[in-house]
Protein backbone atom coordinates (compact mmCIF):
# COMPACT_ATOMS: atom_id res chain seq x y z
CA MET A 1 -66.72 -27.45 37.68
CA THR A 2 -64.25 -24.66 36.66
CA LEU A 3 -62.31 -23.44 39.70
CA GLN A 4 -60.56 -20.20 39.04
CA PRO A 5 -58.09 -19.66 41.97
CA ASN A 6 -56.48 -16.62 40.30
CA LEU A 7 -59.56 -14.45 40.45
CA HIS A 8 -58.97 -11.63 42.85
CA THR A 9 -60.79 -8.34 43.14
CA ASN A 10 -57.61 -6.24 43.39
CA ASP A 11 -55.10 -8.19 41.35
CA GLN A 12 -56.28 -10.54 38.68
CA SER A 13 -52.90 -12.10 38.12
CA ARG A 14 -52.05 -13.07 41.68
CA LYS A 15 -52.26 -16.76 42.68
CA ARG A 16 -54.68 -17.29 45.63
CA THR A 17 -52.99 -18.44 48.77
CA ILE A 18 -54.37 -20.68 51.53
CA LEU A 19 -52.91 -21.04 54.99
CA LEU A 20 -53.70 -24.68 55.77
CA VAL A 21 -53.58 -25.58 59.39
CA GLU A 22 -53.95 -29.32 60.12
CA ASP A 23 -52.24 -31.36 62.81
CA GLU A 24 -52.66 -34.72 61.09
CA PRO A 25 -49.76 -35.11 58.66
CA PHE A 26 -51.59 -37.33 56.11
CA VAL A 27 -54.67 -35.00 56.01
CA ARG A 28 -52.46 -31.90 55.69
CA GLU A 29 -50.42 -33.40 52.85
CA ALA A 30 -53.46 -34.80 50.98
CA THR A 31 -55.33 -31.58 51.29
CA ALA A 32 -52.27 -29.47 50.28
CA SER A 33 -51.85 -31.66 47.15
CA ILE A 34 -55.51 -31.19 46.16
CA LEU A 35 -55.26 -27.41 46.56
CA GLU A 36 -51.93 -27.12 44.75
CA ARG A 37 -53.25 -29.17 41.82
CA ALA A 38 -56.16 -26.77 41.65
CA GLY A 39 -53.77 -23.88 41.31
CA PHE A 40 -53.63 -22.48 44.84
CA GLY A 41 -50.54 -21.60 46.73
CA VAL A 42 -50.50 -23.48 49.98
CA LEU A 43 -48.81 -22.55 53.29
CA PRO A 44 -48.98 -25.65 55.51
CA ALA A 45 -48.85 -25.44 59.28
CA GLU A 46 -49.25 -28.25 61.78
CA ASP A 47 -50.56 -26.21 64.71
CA ALA A 48 -51.88 -22.74 65.69
CA ARG A 49 -48.48 -21.43 66.83
CA GLU A 50 -46.82 -22.30 63.50
CA ALA A 51 -49.81 -20.74 61.70
CA MET A 52 -49.39 -17.51 63.57
CA LYS A 53 -45.71 -17.40 62.62
CA ILE A 54 -46.50 -17.93 58.99
CA TYR A 55 -49.28 -15.33 59.03
CA GLU A 56 -47.03 -12.74 60.63
CA HIS A 57 -44.62 -13.07 57.61
CA CYS A 58 -47.31 -12.55 54.91
CA PRO A 59 -50.59 -11.27 56.47
CA ARG A 60 -51.80 -9.58 53.18
CA GLY A 61 -50.88 -12.56 51.05
CA ILE A 62 -53.30 -14.99 52.55
CA ASP A 63 -56.76 -15.23 50.95
CA LEU A 64 -58.12 -18.00 53.11
CA VAL A 65 -57.21 -19.76 56.34
CA MET A 66 -58.33 -23.28 56.37
CA THR A 67 -58.06 -24.80 59.87
CA ASP A 68 -59.02 -27.94 61.68
CA MET A 69 -61.23 -27.25 64.70
CA VAL A 70 -59.18 -29.46 66.98
CA LEU A 71 -55.47 -28.45 67.10
CA PRO A 72 -52.79 -29.01 69.75
CA GLY A 73 -52.85 -26.15 72.27
CA ARG A 74 -55.60 -24.01 70.63
CA THR A 75 -58.78 -24.64 68.75
CA GLY A 76 -59.30 -23.52 65.14
CA GLN A 77 -61.85 -21.12 66.39
CA GLN A 78 -59.29 -19.55 68.88
CA LEU A 79 -56.75 -19.32 66.01
CA GLY A 80 -59.38 -17.51 63.90
CA GLN A 81 -60.00 -15.06 66.67
CA ASP A 82 -56.29 -14.39 67.04
CA LEU A 83 -55.83 -13.85 63.32
CA ARG A 84 -58.83 -11.56 63.10
CA LYS A 85 -57.24 -9.27 65.71
CA HIS A 86 -54.79 -8.40 62.92
CA SER A 87 -57.06 -8.76 59.91
CA PRO A 88 -60.82 -8.47 60.74
CA GLU A 89 -61.77 -9.31 57.09
CA LEU A 90 -59.81 -12.54 56.96
CA VAL A 91 -61.81 -15.50 55.50
CA ILE A 92 -61.73 -18.68 57.59
CA LEU A 93 -62.83 -22.17 56.70
CA VAL A 94 -63.05 -24.44 59.70
CA THR A 95 -62.99 -28.20 59.24
CA SER A 96 -64.00 -30.95 61.75
CA GLY A 97 -64.83 -34.54 61.89
CA TYR A 98 -66.77 -34.08 65.15
CA GLY A 99 -70.48 -33.50 64.82
CA ASN A 100 -71.06 -30.24 66.68
CA PRO A 101 -74.09 -28.31 65.33
CA ALA A 102 -72.79 -25.02 66.87
CA TYR A 103 -69.87 -25.06 64.37
CA GLU A 104 -71.58 -26.75 61.40
CA MET A 105 -72.79 -23.71 59.72
CA ASP A 106 -71.57 -21.05 57.32
CA GLU A 107 -71.58 -17.43 58.55
CA PRO A 108 -70.93 -15.29 55.50
CA GLU A 109 -71.36 -12.08 57.39
CA SER A 110 -68.46 -12.98 59.65
CA ARG A 111 -66.56 -14.58 56.72
CA THR A 112 -66.43 -17.88 58.66
CA TYR A 113 -67.33 -21.11 56.87
CA PHE A 114 -67.47 -24.79 57.86
CA LEU A 115 -66.61 -28.07 56.02
CA ALA A 116 -67.24 -31.50 57.58
CA LYS A 117 -64.60 -34.22 57.49
CA PRO A 118 -64.09 -36.35 55.67
CA TYR A 119 -64.45 -34.27 52.55
CA SER A 120 -63.89 -35.23 48.97
CA ARG A 121 -61.67 -33.36 46.50
CA ARG A 122 -64.84 -32.10 44.75
CA THR A 123 -66.54 -30.98 47.98
CA LEU A 124 -63.46 -29.11 49.13
CA LEU A 125 -62.92 -27.32 45.90
CA GLU A 126 -66.62 -26.36 45.50
CA LYS A 127 -66.63 -25.01 49.00
CA ILE A 128 -63.55 -22.91 48.43
CA GLU A 129 -64.83 -21.70 45.04
CA LYS A 130 -68.12 -20.63 46.77
CA ILE A 131 -66.17 -18.72 49.40
CA LEU A 132 -63.49 -17.10 47.23
CA VAL A 133 -65.11 -16.26 43.94
CA PRO A 134 -66.83 -12.88 44.21
CA ALA A 135 -70.56 -13.01 43.93
CA PRO A 136 -70.88 -10.64 40.92
CA LEU A 137 -68.63 -12.91 38.83
CA VAL A 138 -70.65 -15.93 39.78
CA ARG A 139 -73.84 -14.20 38.82
CA ALA A 140 -72.36 -12.99 35.55
CA ALA A 141 -71.17 -16.49 34.63
CA THR A 142 -74.62 -18.00 35.34
CA GLN A 143 -76.47 -15.27 33.45
CA ALA A 144 -74.16 -15.87 30.37
CA SER A 145 -75.27 -19.55 30.09
């Protein structure tokens, strides 16, 4: 697997940035470490309120919001709705360890995706690559093989 976090449709040289919202410190730190080692910039937040503050300081610099579904005070889904009021095209990856079929599906048309917990490093990075790498580049790479 070759993850290319620096691919960006407008600026090929910019590092991709993920706003990581996770209330469990161990999960947040472990996930941030995985993402940073893969070459992503990570902005960690422990709850929706902190995530909103971070987002307000760099709304155009965030390529993906990765949020736990269950957060103190607000759900990841509510956080996504709040963020989309400012940026309707924002890409959101919701994670959850609770089996709820209503949330366990990708919705590419709404730019909302789901990843079940626990996830492995490989599963996480493959999911993010699928979400962030533009489709024409993926097709071109597979056709070149």
